[in-house]
Amino acid sequence: MSRVRIKDKTFETSIPEAEIKARVKELAIRLNKDFADKNPLFLTVLNGSFIFAADLLREITIPCEVSFVKLSSYEGILSTGKIKEVLGLNEDITGRTVVIVEDIVDTGRTMRQMLDSLKVRRPASIQICTLFVKPDKLEEPLDIDYVAFSIPNDFIVGYGLDYDQQGRNLKEIYTLVEED
């Protein structure tokens, strides 16, 4: 396993690129089947899910649309617990099938706020597609329909996820290493 240093922290490879790509392709196959006749709107949550969304959507073969929303609740390696909507949704989603594309669901608070915000716009349905979920950290009851990886409550970077805005460009997932 390789290690990288980002600012003041050391991270070690935990999920190789090939495994990520295989799981993303599996999700796309399911999405293509499940939404073959729906023309879904893939609502990508920035910044962390941009690489996941790009790879996922290149595997989507059905008619679809893509939009972006930016929500933020992290500073450094800790969640602030306060969610700020930075860039909102401009499309009319009334009667639409919406698939939220998220990088990681940990406490679920951000996702709960997003779901509540979207439901008032009366979509036909909302599904969640996430690269990672931390089941042991979930505080909100959520129906997460599409999950690439269930992971422990570790801090990770790479493949779009960052530590203090660094490391998003790494092709693999790296886990924070506790140093002596």
N, C-alpha and C. Protein backbone atom coordinates (compact mmCIF):
# COMPACT_ATOMS: atom_id res chain seq x y z
N MET A 1 0.84 -1.19 0.00
CA MET A 1 0.00 0.00 0.00
C MET A 1 0.88 1.24 0.00
N SER A 2 0.44 2.20 -0.79
CA SER A 2 1.23 3.42 -0.84
C SER A 2 0.66 4.45 0.12
N ARG A 3 1.52 5.38 0.47
CA ARG A 3 1.13 6.47 1.36
C ARG A 3 1.33 7.80 0.66
N VAL A 4 0.48 8.77 1.04
CA VAL A 4 0.62 10.13 0.56
C VAL A 4 0.53 11.07 1.75
N ARG A 5 1.19 12.18 1.62
CA ARG A 5 1.14 13.21 2.65
C ARG A 5 0.35 14.38 2.07
N ILE A 6 -0.69 14.79 2.78
CA ILE A 6 -1.48 15.95 2.39
C ILE A 6 -1.48 16.90 3.58
N LYS A 7 -0.86 18.05 3.34
CA LYS A 7 -0.67 19.05 4.40
C LYS A 7 -0.02 18.38 5.61
N ASP A 8 -0.73 18.31 6.72
CA ASP A 8 -0.14 17.79 7.96
C ASP A 8 -0.55 16.35 8.27
N LYS A 9 -1.17 15.66 7.32
CA LYS A 9 -1.70 14.31 7.56
C LYS A 9 -1.12 13.30 6.58
N THR A 10 -1.06 12.04 7.03
CA THR A 10 -0.62 10.94 6.18
C THR A 10 -1.80 10.02 5.91
N PHE A 11 -1.91 9.60 4.66
CA PHE A 11 -2.99 8.73 4.22
C PHE A 11 -2.40 7.51 3.52
N GLU A 12 -3.10 6.37 3.64
CA GLU A 12 -2.65 5.12 3.04
C GLU A 12 -3.74 4.59 2.10
N THR A 13 -3.33 4.02 0.97
CA THR A 13 -4.29 3.46 0.01
C THR A 13 -5.20 2.45 0.69
N SER A 14 -6.50 2.60 0.48
CA SER A 14 -7.45 1.63 1.03
C SER A 14 -8.35 1.01 -0.04
N ILE A 15 -8.62 1.74 -1.13
CA ILE A 15 -9.41 1.18 -2.23
C ILE A 15 -8.72 1.56 -3.54
N PRO A 16 -8.23 0.56 -4.28
CA PRO A 16 -7.53 0.85 -5.53
C PRO A 16 -8.47 1.33 -6.64
N GLU A 17 -7.90 2.02 -7.59
CA GLU A 17 -8.66 2.60 -8.70
C GLU A 17 -9.49 1.56 -9.44
N ALA A 18 -8.93 0.40 -9.73
CA ALA A 18 -9.65 -0.63 -10.49
C ALA A 18 -10.91 -1.08 -9.76
N GLU A 19 -10.85 -1.19 -8.44
CA GLU A 19 -12.02 -1.59 -7.66
C GLU A 19 -13.10 -0.51 -7.69
N ILE A 20 -12.68 0.74 -7.61
CA ILE A 20 -13.63 1.85 -7.69
C ILE A 20 -14.35 1.82 -9.04
N LYS A 21 -13.58 1.72 -10.12
CA LYS A 21 -14.17 1.73 -11.46
C LYS A 21 -15.14 0.56 -11.66
N ALA A 22 -14.79 -0.61 -11.13
CA ALA A 22 -15.68 -1.77 -11.27
C ALA A 22 -17.00 -1.54 -10.54
N ARG A 23 -16.93 -0.97 -9.33
CA ARG A 23 -18.16 -0.72 -8.56
C ARG A 23 -19.01 0.36 -9.21
N VAL A 24 -18.37 1.39 -9.76
CA VAL A 24 -19.11 2.45 -10.44
C VAL A 24 -19.85 1.87 -11.65
N LYS A 25 -19.18 1.01 -12.39
CA LYS A 25 -19.81 0.37 -13.55
C LYS A 25 -21.01 -0.48 -13.12
N GLU A 26 -20.88 -1.21 -12.01
CA GLU A 26 -22.00 -2.02 -11.48
C GLU A 26 -23.20 -1.13 -11.14
N LEU A 27 -22.93 0.02 -10.51
CA LEU A 27 -24.03 0.95 -10.20
C LEU A 27 -24.70 1.43 -11.47
N ALA A 28 -23.91 1.77 -12.47
CA ALA A 28 -24.47 2.27 -13.74
C ALA A 28 -25.35 1.21 -14.40
N ILE A 29 -24.94 -0.03 -14.36
CA ILE A 29 -25.75 -1.11 -14.94
C ILE A 29 -27.11 -1.17 -14.25
N ARG A 30 -27.11 -1.10 -12.93
CA ARG A 30 -28.38 -1.10 -12.18
C ARG A 30 -29.24 0.11 -12.52
N LEU A 31 -28.62 1.29 -12.56
CA LEU A 31 -29.35 2.52 -12.87
C LEU A 31 -29.94 2.46 -14.27
N ASN A 32 -29.16 1.98 -15.25
CA ASN A 32 -29.66 1.86 -16.62
C ASN A 32 -30.88 0.96 -16.68
N LYS A 33 -30.85 -0.12 -15.92
CA LYS A 33 -31.98 -1.06 -15.90
C LYS A 33 -33.18 -0.44 -15.18
N ASP A 34 -32.94 0.12 -13.99
CA ASP A 34 -34.03 0.62 -13.16
C ASP A 34 -34.74 1.85 -13.74
N PHE A 35 -34.02 2.65 -14.53
CA PHE A 35 -34.60 3.90 -15.04
C PHE A 35 -34.67 3.93 -16.57
N ALA A 36 -34.75 2.76 -17.18
CA ALA A 36 -34.74 2.65 -18.65
C ALA A 36 -35.81 3.50 -19.31
N ASP A 37 -36.94 3.69 -18.66
CA ASP A 37 -38.04 4.44 -19.29
C ASP A 37 -38.38 5.73 -18.55
N LYS A 38 -37.43 6.27 -17.78
CA LYS A 38 -37.75 7.41 -16.90
C LYS A 38 -37.13 8.75 -17.27
N ASN A 39 -36.05 8.81 -18.05
CA ASN A 39 -35.32 10.05 -18.32
C ASN A 39 -35.00 10.78 -17.00
N PRO A 40 -34.22 10.14 -16.12
CA PRO A 40 -33.94 10.74 -14.81
C PRO A 40 -33.07 11.99 -14.88
N LEU A 41 -33.20 12.80 -13.86
CA LEU A 41 -32.31 13.94 -13.64
C LEU A 41 -31.29 13.49 -12.60
N PHE A 42 -30.04 13.40 -12.99
CA PHE A 42 -28.96 13.09 -12.06
C PHE A 42 -28.50 14.40 -11.43
N LEU A 43 -28.76 14.54 -10.16
CA LEU A 43 -28.44 15.77 -9.43
C LEU A 43 -27.13 15.53 -8.67
N THR A 44 -26.06 16.08 -9.18
CA THR A 44 -24.72 15.85 -8.66
C THR A 44 -24.38 16.86 -7.58
N VAL A 45 -23.93 16.36 -6.43
CA VAL A 45 -23.58 17.22 -5.30
C VAL A 45 -22.09 17.55 -5.38
N LEU A 46 -21.82 18.83 -5.57
CA LEU A 46 -20.43 19.29 -5.65
C LEU A 46 -19.89 19.64 -4.27
N ASN A 47 -18.60 19.62 -4.03
CA ASN A 47 -17.54 19.37 -4.98
C ASN A 47 -17.16 17.90 -5.03
N GLY A 48 -17.38 17.19 -3.96
CA GLY A 48 -16.81 15.86 -3.79
C GLY A 48 -17.22 14.81 -4.78
N SER A 49 -18.42 14.92 -5.35
CA SER A 49 -18.89 13.83 -6.21
C SER A 49 -18.61 14.07 -7.69
N PHE A 50 -17.85 15.10 -8.04
CA PHE A 50 -17.70 15.41 -9.46
C PHE A 50 -16.98 14.31 -10.23
N ILE A 51 -15.98 13.67 -9.66
CA ILE A 51 -15.27 12.60 -10.37
C ILE A 51 -16.16 11.36 -10.44
N PHE A 52 -16.78 10.99 -9.33
CA PHE A 52 -17.71 9.87 -9.30
C PHE A 52 -18.82 10.07 -10.32
N ALA A 53 -19.43 11.25 -10.32
CA ALA A 53 -20.53 11.53 -11.25
C ALA A 53 -20.06 11.44 -12.70
N ALA A 54 -18.90 11.98 -13.00
CA ALA A 54 -18.39 11.92 -14.38
C ALA A 54 -18.20 10.48 -14.83
N ASP A 55 -17.57 9.67 -13.99
CA ASP A 55 -17.36 8.27 -14.35
C ASP A 55 -18.67 7.50 -14.43
N LEU A 56 -19.57 7.75 -13.50
CA LEU A 56 -20.87 7.09 -13.50
C LEU A 56 -21.67 7.44 -14.75
N LEU A 57 -21.74 8.71 -15.05
CA LEU A 57 -22.56 9.17 -16.17
C LEU A 57 -22.01 8.74 -17.52
N ARG A 58 -20.71 8.51 -17.61
CA ARG A 58 -20.15 7.98 -18.86
C ARG A 58 -20.60 6.54 -19.10
N GLU A 59 -21.07 5.87 -18.04
CA GLU A 59 -21.57 4.50 -18.15
C GLU A 59 -23.09 4.44 -18.29
N ILE A 60 -23.74 5.57 -18.14
CA ILE A 60 -25.20 5.62 -18.28
C ILE A 60 -25.55 5.67 -19.77
N THR A 61 -26.41 4.75 -20.19
CA THR A 61 -26.75 4.63 -21.61
C THR A 61 -28.18 5.05 -21.91
N ILE A 62 -28.95 5.38 -20.89
CA ILE A 62 -30.34 5.78 -21.08
C ILE A 62 -30.43 7.30 -21.22
N PRO A 63 -31.51 7.81 -21.80
CA PRO A 63 -31.70 9.26 -21.82
C PRO A 63 -31.75 9.80 -20.39
N CYS A 64 -31.04 10.88 -20.15
CA CYS A 64 -31.01 11.48 -18.81
C CYS A 64 -30.57 12.93 -18.92
N GLU A 65 -30.69 13.62 -17.80
CA GLU A 65 -30.20 14.99 -17.68
C GLU A 65 -29.32 15.06 -16.44
N VAL A 66 -28.47 16.10 -16.40
CA VAL A 66 -27.55 16.27 -15.29
C VAL A 66 -27.62 17.71 -14.81
N SER A 67 -27.63 17.87 -13.49
CA SER A 67 -27.56 19.20 -12.90
C SER A 67 -26.67 19.12 -11.67
N PHE A 68 -26.36 20.27 -11.09
CA PHE A 68 -25.42 20.32 -9.98
C PHE A 68 -25.96 21.18 -8.85
N VAL A 69 -25.65 20.77 -7.65
CA VAL A 69 -25.95 21.56 -6.47
C VAL A 69 -24.72 21.48 -5.58
N LYS A 70 -24.46 22.53 -4.85
CA LYS A 70 -23.29 22.54 -3.98
C LYS A 70 -23.76 22.74 -2.55
N LEU A 71 -23.46 21.76 -1.71
CA LEU A 71 -23.75 21.81 -0.28
C LEU A 71 -22.44 21.61 0.45
N SER A 72 -22.30 22.20 1.61
CA SER A 72 -21.05 22.08 2.33
C SER A 72 -21.30 22.00 3.82
N SER A 73 -20.58 21.08 4.49
CA SER A 73 -20.69 21.00 5.95
C SER A 73 -19.35 20.64 6.60
N TYR A 74 -18.27 20.53 5.81
CA TYR A 74 -16.97 20.13 6.35
C TYR A 74 -15.98 21.28 6.37
N GLU A 75 -15.14 21.27 7.40
CA GLU A 75 -13.96 22.13 7.47
C GLU A 75 -12.84 21.24 7.96
N GLY A 76 -11.78 21.11 7.18
CA GLY A 76 -10.70 20.20 7.55
C GLY A 76 -11.19 18.77 7.49
N ILE A 77 -11.09 18.02 8.60
CA ILE A 77 -11.54 16.63 8.63
C ILE A 77 -12.80 16.45 9.46
N LEU A 78 -13.39 17.55 9.93
CA LEU A 78 -14.57 17.46 10.79
C LEU A 78 -15.77 18.14 10.16
N SER A 79 -16.93 17.56 10.37
CA SER A 79 -18.16 18.19 9.93
C SER A 79 -18.48 19.34 10.88
N THR A 80 -18.89 20.47 10.31
CA THR A 80 -19.26 21.61 11.14
C THR A 80 -20.64 21.41 11.76
N GLY A 81 -21.42 20.48 11.18
CA GLY A 81 -22.78 20.27 11.65
C GLY A 81 -23.75 21.30 11.09
N LYS A 82 -23.22 22.31 10.42
CA LYS A 82 -24.05 23.33 9.79
C LYS A 82 -23.92 23.19 8.28
N ILE A 83 -25.03 23.04 7.61
CA ILE A 83 -25.03 22.81 6.18
C ILE A 83 -25.35 24.11 5.48
N LYS A 84 -24.49 24.48 4.53
CA LYS A 84 -24.68 25.71 3.79
C LYS A 84 -24.97 25.36 2.34
N GLU A 85 -26.11 25.80 1.81
CA GLU A 85 -26.37 25.60 0.39
C GLU A 85 -25.70 26.74 -0.35
N VAL A 86 -24.70 26.42 -1.15
CA VAL A 86 -23.93 27.44 -1.84
C VAL A 86 -24.49 27.71 -3.23
N LEU A 87 -24.86 26.67 -3.94
CA LEU A 87 -25.37 26.80 -5.29
C LEU A 87 -26.59 25.92 -5.41
N GLY A 88 -27.72 26.49 -5.75
CA GLY A 88 -28.97 25.74 -5.74
C GLY A 88 -29.37 25.16 -7.08
N LEU A 89 -30.48 24.48 -7.06
CA LEU A 89 -31.04 23.82 -8.23
C LEU A 89 -31.95 24.79 -8.97
N ASN A 90 -31.75 24.91 -10.27
CA ASN A 90 -32.54 25.84 -11.08
C ASN A 90 -33.63 25.14 -11.90
N GLU A 91 -33.50 23.82 -12.11
CA GLU A 91 -34.46 23.08 -12.92
C GLU A 91 -35.78 22.86 -12.19
N ASP A 92 -36.84 22.78 -12.97
CA ASP A 92 -38.14 22.40 -12.43
C ASP A 92 -38.16 20.88 -12.34
N ILE A 93 -38.30 20.34 -11.14
CA ILE A 93 -38.27 18.89 -10.97
C ILE A 93 -39.66 18.31 -10.68
N THR A 94 -40.69 19.12 -10.83
CA THR A 94 -42.05 18.63 -10.61
C THR A 94 -42.33 17.42 -11.50
N GLY A 95 -42.71 16.31 -10.88
CA GLY A 95 -43.03 15.11 -11.62
C GLY A 95 -41.84 14.36 -12.20
N ARG A 96 -40.63 14.80 -11.89
CA ARG A 96 -39.42 14.18 -12.44
C ARG A 96 -38.88 13.08 -11.53
N THR A 97 -38.16 12.16 -12.11
CA THR A 97 -37.39 11.16 -11.37
C THR A 97 -36.02 11.77 -11.13
N VAL A 98 -35.65 11.92 -9.86
CA VAL A 98 -34.39 12.55 -9.48
C VAL A 98 -33.49 11.51 -8.82
N VAL A 99 -32.25 11.47 -9.27
CA VAL A 99 -31.25 10.61 -8.64
C VAL A 99 -30.15 11.52 -8.11
N ILE A 100 -30.04 11.58 -6.79
CA ILE A 100 -28.98 12.38 -6.17
C ILE A 100 -27.68 11.58 -6.25
N VAL A 101 -26.65 12.19 -6.81
CA VAL A 101 -25.33 11.56 -6.92
C VAL A 101 -24.43 12.23 -5.89
N GLU A 102 -24.06 11.47 -4.87
CA GLU A 102 -23.29 11.99 -3.73
C GLU A 102 -22.00 11.21 -3.58
N ASP A 103 -20.98 11.86 -3.05
CA ASP A 103 -19.72 11.16 -2.83
C ASP A 103 -19.77 10.29 -1.59
N ILE A 104 -20.27 10.84 -0.49
CA ILE A 104 -20.25 10.09 0.76
C ILE A 104 -21.42 10.51 1.65
N VAL A 105 -22.05 9.53 2.28
CA VAL A 105 -23.09 9.79 3.28
C VAL A 105 -22.53 9.27 4.59
N ASP A 106 -22.31 10.17 5.54
CA ASP A 106 -21.83 9.72 6.84
C ASP A 106 -22.91 9.90 7.89
N THR A 107 -23.13 11.08 8.44
CA THR A 107 -24.20 11.24 9.44
C THR A 107 -25.58 11.21 8.79
N GLY A 108 -25.64 11.62 7.53
CA GLY A 108 -26.92 11.69 6.83
C GLY A 108 -27.62 13.03 6.98
N ARG A 109 -27.08 13.93 7.79
CA ARG A 109 -27.73 15.23 8.01
C ARG A 109 -27.81 16.05 6.72
N THR A 110 -26.72 16.08 5.96
CA THR A 110 -26.71 16.83 4.71
C THR A 110 -27.73 16.25 3.75
N MET A 111 -27.75 14.93 3.64
CA MET A 111 -28.69 14.27 2.73
C MET A 111 -30.13 14.51 3.18
N ARG A 112 -30.40 14.46 4.47
CA ARG A 112 -31.75 14.70 4.98
C ARG A 112 -32.19 16.10 4.59
N GLN A 113 -31.33 17.10 4.77
CA GLN A 113 -31.69 18.47 4.42
C GLN A 113 -31.95 18.59 2.92
N MET A 114 -31.13 17.92 2.14
CA MET A 114 -31.31 17.98 0.70
C MET A 114 -32.63 17.32 0.28
N LEU A 115 -32.94 16.16 0.84
CA LEU A 115 -34.20 15.48 0.54
C LEU A 115 -35.39 16.35 0.91
N ASP A 116 -35.35 16.95 2.08
CA ASP A 116 -36.45 17.82 2.52
C ASP A 116 -36.62 19.01 1.58
N SER A 117 -35.50 19.57 1.13
CA SER A 117 -35.53 20.70 0.22
C SER A 117 -36.09 20.30 -1.15
N LEU A 118 -35.74 19.12 -1.62
CA LEU A 118 -36.21 18.66 -2.93
C LEU A 118 -37.68 18.24 -2.90
N LYS A 119 -38.13 17.64 -1.82
CA LYS A 119 -39.51 17.13 -1.76
C LYS A 119 -40.54 18.22 -1.92
N VAL A 120 -40.26 19.44 -1.48
CA VAL A 120 -41.22 20.53 -1.62
C VAL A 120 -41.39 20.94 -3.09
N ARG A 121 -40.49 20.49 -3.94
CA ARG A 121 -40.58 20.78 -5.38
C ARG A 121 -41.37 19.71 -6.13
N ARG A 122 -41.93 18.75 -5.42
CA ARG A 122 -42.84 17.71 -5.92
C ARG A 122 -42.29 16.85 -7.06
N PRO A 123 -41.10 16.25 -6.87
CA PRO A 123 -40.64 15.29 -7.88
C PRO A 123 -41.46 14.01 -7.80
N ALA A 124 -41.46 13.22 -8.87
CA ALA A 124 -42.15 11.93 -8.86
C ALA A 124 -41.47 10.99 -7.87
N SER A 125 -40.14 11.01 -7.87
CA SER A 125 -39.38 10.17 -6.93
C SER A 125 -37.98 10.73 -6.78
N ILE A 126 -37.36 10.35 -5.66
CA ILE A 126 -35.97 10.73 -5.40
C ILE A 126 -35.24 9.48 -4.93
N GLN A 127 -34.15 9.16 -5.61
CA GLN A 127 -33.28 8.07 -5.18
C GLN A 127 -31.92 8.64 -4.85
N ILE A 128 -31.20 7.93 -3.99
CA ILE A 128 -29.85 8.34 -3.60
C ILE A 128 -28.86 7.33 -4.17
N CYS A 129 -27.85 7.85 -4.84
CA CYS A 129 -26.75 7.04 -5.36
C CYS A 129 -25.47 7.62 -4.78
N THR A 130 -24.79 6.86 -3.94
CA THR A 130 -23.59 7.36 -3.29
C THR A 130 -22.42 6.42 -3.50
N LEU A 131 -21.26 7.00 -3.59
CA LEU A 131 -20.05 6.20 -3.71
C LEU A 131 -19.76 5.49 -2.39
N PHE A 132 -19.91 6.23 -1.29
CA PHE A 132 -19.61 5.68 0.04
C PHE A 132 -20.73 5.97 1.02
N VAL A 133 -20.94 5.03 1.94
CA VAL A 133 -21.80 5.26 3.09
C VAL A 133 -21.05 4.73 4.30
N LYS A 134 -21.20 5.45 5.42
CA LYS A 134 -20.64 5.02 6.70
C LYS A 134 -21.80 4.61 7.60
N PRO A 135 -22.22 3.35 7.53
CA PRO A 135 -23.42 2.93 8.27
C PRO A 135 -23.32 3.13 9.77
N ASP A 136 -22.13 3.01 10.34
CA ASP A 136 -21.99 3.17 11.78
C ASP A 136 -22.08 4.61 12.24
N LYS A 137 -22.00 5.55 11.30
CA LYS A 137 -22.06 6.96 11.65
C LYS A 137 -23.42 7.60 11.34
N LEU A 138 -24.26 6.86 10.61
CA LEU A 138 -25.57 7.41 10.22
C LEU A 138 -26.41 7.79 11.44
N GLU A 139 -26.92 9.00 11.41
CA GLU A 139 -27.81 9.50 12.47
C GLU A 139 -29.23 9.70 11.95
N GLU A 140 -29.38 9.77 10.65
CA GLU A 140 -30.67 10.00 10.02
C GLU A 140 -31.13 8.72 9.33
N PRO A 141 -32.41 8.36 9.45
CA PRO A 141 -32.90 7.20 8.71
C PRO A 141 -33.05 7.57 7.23
N LEU A 142 -32.29 6.90 6.37
CA LEU A 142 -32.30 7.19 4.95
C LEU A 142 -32.46 5.90 4.15
N ASP A 143 -33.19 5.98 3.05
CA ASP A 143 -33.24 4.88 2.10
C ASP A 143 -32.21 5.20 1.01
N ILE A 144 -31.07 4.55 1.11
CA ILE A 144 -30.02 4.78 0.13
C ILE A 144 -30.09 3.64 -0.87
N ASP A 145 -30.52 3.96 -2.07
CA ASP A 145 -30.84 2.97 -3.07
C ASP A 145 -29.64 2.35 -3.77
N TYR A 146 -28.60 3.15 -3.97
CA TYR A 146 -27.44 2.70 -4.74
C TYR A 146 -26.17 3.09 -3.98
N VAL A 147 -25.42 2.09 -3.53
CA VAL A 147 -24.21 2.31 -2.75
C VAL A 147 -23.07 1.50 -3.37
N ALA A 148 -21.98 2.17 -3.68
CA ALA A 148 -20.81 1.45 -4.21
C ALA A 148 -20.06 0.77 -3.07
N PHE A 149 -19.82 1.49 -1.96
CA PHE A 149 -19.03 0.94 -0.86
C PHE A 149 -19.63 1.35 0.49
N SER A 150 -19.75 0.39 1.40
CA SER A 150 -20.01 0.68 2.81
C SER A 150 -18.67 0.61 3.50
N ILE A 151 -18.32 1.67 4.21
CA ILE A 151 -16.98 1.76 4.80
C ILE A 151 -17.07 2.07 6.28
N PRO A 152 -15.96 1.80 7.01
CA PRO A 152 -15.94 2.17 8.43
C PRO A 152 -15.87 3.68 8.60
N ASN A 153 -15.95 4.12 9.82
CA ASN A 153 -15.95 5.54 10.13
C ASN A 153 -14.53 6.11 10.12
N ASP A 154 -13.86 5.99 8.99
CA ASP A 154 -12.52 6.54 8.81
C ASP A 154 -12.61 7.77 7.92
N PHE A 155 -11.62 8.64 8.04
CA PHE A 155 -11.56 9.80 7.15
C PHE A 155 -10.81 9.40 5.90
N ILE A 156 -11.43 9.65 4.74
CA ILE A 156 -10.82 9.25 3.48
C ILE A 156 -10.67 10.44 2.53
N VAL A 157 -9.73 10.29 1.59
CA VAL A 157 -9.52 11.29 0.54
C VAL A 157 -9.29 10.56 -0.78
N GLY A 158 -9.39 11.33 -1.86
CA GLY A 158 -9.14 10.81 -3.19
C GLY A 158 -10.43 10.64 -3.96
N TYR A 159 -10.29 10.52 -5.27
CA TYR A 159 -11.42 10.29 -6.17
C TYR A 159 -12.53 11.33 -5.92
N GLY A 160 -12.11 12.57 -5.73
CA GLY A 160 -13.05 13.67 -5.52
C GLY A 160 -13.18 14.13 -4.08
N LEU A 161 -12.89 13.25 -3.13
CA LEU A 161 -12.99 13.62 -1.71
C LEU A 161 -11.70 14.31 -1.29
N ASP A 162 -11.82 15.27 -0.38
CA ASP A 162 -10.66 16.09 -0.04
C ASP A 162 -10.37 16.15 1.45
N TYR A 163 -9.18 16.59 1.73
CA TYR A 163 -8.79 17.04 3.06
C TYR A 163 -8.40 18.50 2.91
N ASP A 164 -9.20 19.38 3.44
CA ASP A 164 -8.93 20.82 3.38
C ASP A 164 -8.65 21.26 1.93
N GLN A 165 -9.49 20.79 1.01
CA GLN A 165 -9.46 21.10 -0.42
C GLN A 165 -8.30 20.45 -1.19
N GLN A 166 -7.56 19.58 -0.56
CA GLN A 166 -6.44 18.88 -1.22
C GLN A 166 -6.76 17.39 -1.37
N GLY A 167 -6.20 16.76 -2.38
CA GLY A 167 -6.30 15.31 -2.56
C GLY A 167 -7.44 14.85 -3.43
N ARG A 168 -8.29 15.75 -3.91
CA ARG A 168 -9.41 15.34 -4.75
C ARG A 168 -8.95 14.63 -6.03
N ASN A 169 -7.78 14.98 -6.51
CA ASN A 169 -7.27 14.47 -7.77
C ASN A 169 -6.66 13.08 -7.69
N LEU A 170 -6.55 12.50 -6.51
CA LEU A 170 -5.97 11.16 -6.37
C LEU A 170 -6.91 10.13 -7.00
N LYS A 171 -6.35 9.16 -7.71
CA LYS A 171 -7.14 8.16 -8.43
C LYS A 171 -7.67 7.06 -7.53
N GLU A 172 -7.07 6.87 -6.38
CA GLU A 172 -7.47 5.83 -5.45
C GLU A 172 -8.02 6.48 -4.19
N ILE A 173 -8.61 5.66 -3.31
CA ILE A 173 -9.08 6.16 -2.02
C ILE A 173 -8.00 5.88 -0.99
N TYR A 174 -7.72 6.89 -0.20
CA TYR A 174 -6.72 6.81 0.85
C TYR A 174 -7.40 7.08 2.20
N THR A 175 -6.98 6.32 3.21
CA THR A 175 -7.53 6.46 4.55
C THR A 175 -6.50 7.12 5.44
N LEU A 176 -6.98 8.00 6.31
CA LEU A 176 -6.10 8.69 7.26
C LEU A 176 -5.38 7.68 8.14
N VAL A 177 -4.08 7.85 8.30
CA VAL A 177 -3.26 6.98 9.13
C VAL A 177 -2.97 7.71 10.44
N GLU A 178 -3.24 7.03 11.54
CA GLU A 178 -2.89 7.60 12.84
C GLU A 178 -1.39 7.49 13.02
N GLU A 179 -0.74 8.61 13.24
CA GLU A 179 0.71 8.63 13.38
C GLU A 179 1.11 8.64 14.85
N ASP A 180 2.27 8.04 15.10
CA ASP A 180 2.78 7.99 16.48
C ASP A 180 3.32 9.33 16.91
